Protein backbone atom coordinates (compact mmCIF):
# COMPACT_ATOMS: atom_id res chain seq x y z
CA MET A 1 -16.53 -1.97 -8.06
CA GLU A 2 -15.80 -3.37 -4.58
CA THR A 3 -12.35 -3.00 -3.06
CA SER A 4 -10.60 -5.87 -1.27
CA ILE A 5 -11.52 -4.37 2.10
CA ASN A 6 -15.22 -4.38 1.19
CA ILE A 7 -14.99 -7.98 0.02
CA ILE A 8 -13.40 -9.23 3.25
CA GLU A 9 -15.67 -7.29 5.61
CA GLY A 10 -18.03 -9.57 7.48
CA VAL A 11 -18.19 -12.52 9.83
CA TRP A 12 -16.36 -15.67 8.78
CA LYS A 13 -16.69 -19.08 10.47
CA ILE A 14 -13.53 -21.19 10.42
CA THR A 15 -14.40 -24.66 9.16
CA GLU A 16 -10.93 -26.19 9.02
CA VAL A 17 -7.25 -25.38 9.24
CA THR A 18 -4.72 -27.01 6.92
CA ILE A 19 -1.13 -27.22 8.17
CA PRO A 20 1.55 -28.31 5.64
CA GLY A 21 5.01 -29.67 6.33
CA PRO A 22 6.48 -32.75 8.01
CA ASN A 23 3.50 -33.17 10.35
CA ALA A 24 0.92 -32.10 7.75
CA ARG A 25 -2.67 -32.29 8.86
CA THR A 26 -6.10 -30.81 8.38
CA VAL A 27 -8.04 -29.98 11.51
CA LYS A 28 -11.82 -29.72 11.21
CA HIS A 29 -13.15 -27.07 13.58
CA VAL A 30 -16.14 -28.07 15.62
CA GLU A 31 -16.30 -24.93 17.76
CA ASN A 32 -17.81 -21.72 16.42
CA ASP A 33 -14.45 -20.14 15.62
CA ILE A 34 -14.74 -16.84 13.80
CA PHE A 35 -12.95 -13.92 12.21
CA ILE A 36 -14.82 -10.62 12.16
CA PHE A 37 -13.64 -7.85 9.83
CA THR A 38 -15.10 -4.34 9.85
CA LYS A 39 -13.77 -1.50 7.69
CA LYS A 40 -10.58 -1.12 9.77
CA HIS A 41 -10.72 -3.58 12.67
CA PHE A 42 -10.73 -7.33 13.18
CA SER A 43 -11.36 -9.76 15.97
CA SER A 44 -10.90 -13.50 16.15
CA VAL A 45 -11.95 -16.26 18.50
CA ILE A 46 -10.33 -19.63 17.86
CA VAL A 47 -10.23 -22.93 19.73
CA ALA A 48 -7.20 -24.83 18.42
CA SER A 49 -8.62 -28.28 19.03
CA PRO A 50 -10.39 -30.83 16.82
CA LYS A 51 -12.90 -31.53 19.60
CA PRO A 52 -15.07 -29.34 21.85
CA ARG A 53 -13.44 -27.97 24.99
CA PRO A 54 -14.55 -29.58 28.26
CA ALA A 55 -16.99 -27.65 30.43
CA LEU A 56 -15.42 -25.64 33.23
CA PRO A 57 -17.12 -26.03 36.63
CA GLN A 58 -18.34 -22.68 37.98
CA LYS A 59 -17.09 -23.56 41.46
CA ASP A 60 -13.91 -25.25 42.59
CA ALA A 61 -12.40 -25.94 39.17
CA THR A 62 -9.09 -27.75 39.44
CA ASP A 63 -5.94 -26.41 37.79
CA ALA A 64 -6.10 -29.33 35.30
CA GLN A 65 -9.69 -28.40 34.36
CA LYS A 66 -8.71 -24.76 33.84
CA VAL A 67 -5.75 -25.74 31.66
CA ALA A 68 -7.87 -28.15 29.57
CA THR A 69 -10.51 -25.48 28.99
CA TRP A 70 -8.37 -22.39 28.40
CA THR A 71 -5.17 -23.67 26.73
CA PRO A 72 -6.67 -24.24 23.25
CA PHE A 73 -8.61 -20.95 23.37
CA SER A 74 -7.24 -17.93 21.51
CA ALA A 75 -8.69 -14.48 20.98
CA ALA A 76 -7.33 -11.28 19.47
CA ALA A 77 -8.47 -7.90 18.20
CA GLY A 78 -6.82 -5.02 16.41
CA THR A 79 -6.58 -3.17 13.13
CA TYR A 80 -5.75 -4.45 9.66
CA GLU A 81 -5.02 -3.27 6.16
CA VAL A 82 -5.32 -4.95 2.79
CA THR A 83 -2.96 -4.51 -0.16
CA GLY A 84 -3.99 -6.62 -3.14
CA THR A 85 -4.40 -10.14 -1.76
CA THR A 86 -2.28 -9.51 1.35
CA LEU A 87 -3.89 -8.76 4.71
CA THR A 88 -1.67 -7.43 7.50
CA ALA A 89 -3.19 -7.60 10.99
CA HIS A 90 -1.94 -5.50 13.90
CA PRO A 91 -3.38 -7.03 17.08
CA PHE A 92 -3.52 -4.78 20.15
CA ALA A 93 -5.53 -7.00 22.51
CA GLY A 94 -5.70 -10.74 23.05
CA LYS A 95 -5.86 -13.70 25.40
CA ASN A 96 -2.08 -13.64 25.58
CA PRO A 97 -0.09 -10.43 26.05
CA ILE A 98 0.52 -8.57 22.77
CA GLU A 99 3.99 -7.08 22.32
CA PRO A 100 4.24 -3.65 20.70
CA GLY A 101 4.91 -3.95 16.97
CA THR A 102 3.25 -7.35 16.65
CA PHE A 103 1.80 -8.09 13.21
CA LEU A 104 0.58 -11.06 11.18
CA VAL A 105 0.73 -11.26 7.38
CA PHE A 106 -1.81 -13.37 5.51
CA ASP A 107 -2.35 -14.10 1.84
CA PHE A 108 -6.07 -14.37 1.21
CA LYS A 109 -8.43 -15.57 -1.48
CA ILE A 110 -12.21 -15.33 -1.65
CA GLU A 111 -14.25 -17.73 -3.77
CA GLY A 112 -17.98 -17.09 -3.45
CA ASP A 113 -18.79 -17.39 0.27
CA ALA A 114 -15.43 -19.02 1.08
CA LEU A 115 -12.38 -17.23 2.50
CA PHE A 116 -8.92 -18.81 2.58
CA LEU A 117 -6.39 -17.07 4.85
CA THR A 118 -2.79 -18.34 4.79
CA MET A 119 -0.54 -17.00 7.56
CA LYS A 120 2.71 -16.21 5.76
CA ALA A 121 4.68 -14.27 8.38
CA ASN A 122 4.68 -12.45 11.69
CA LYS A 123 7.09 -10.07 13.42
CA ASP A 124 9.55 -12.97 13.82
CA GLY A 125 9.71 -13.61 10.07
CA PRO A 126 8.23 -15.98 7.46
CA ARG A 127 6.33 -19.10 8.61
CA ALA A 128 8.07 -22.33 7.57
CA ASN A 129 4.77 -24.23 7.28
CA PRO A 130 2.08 -21.58 6.95
CA PRO A 131 -1.39 -22.71 8.08
CA THR A 132 -4.41 -21.97 5.92
CA PHE A 133 -7.73 -21.12 7.57
CA ASN A 134 -10.71 -22.20 5.47
CA CYS A 135 -13.74 -20.06 6.32
CA VAL A 136 -17.33 -19.64 5.25
CA ARG A 137 -19.15 -16.30 5.31
CA LEU A 138 -21.83 -16.05 7.98
CA GLU A 139 -22.77 -12.44 7.14
């Protein structure tokens, strides 16, 4: 019988993010955003934008071009553990500085080749309107 960790291991493409609350919305992801889970580690690359990022000129990029390209980009890596249907991630590297003790708590559900990750809390406490990442297994 597989354990939860074995079930979640793999590469997952984010297809959409659902955000509840007063400004509820569903954002379809057009970039190749992914979560990668190994036995003990994870990494994620996410572009928080419903449209592709603009190309960044290799020479003489303006500050506005840099901001437009890099602001929606997010990346992180670290360790994780699973208890039942709860995944707790402990990032130690990322696009933005990671403070010691940082963690993210997700509820997760797997249905066939689909993964649903709902971010319930972080080191600052519970999320008022927790986003759900809808993913499809790539491998």
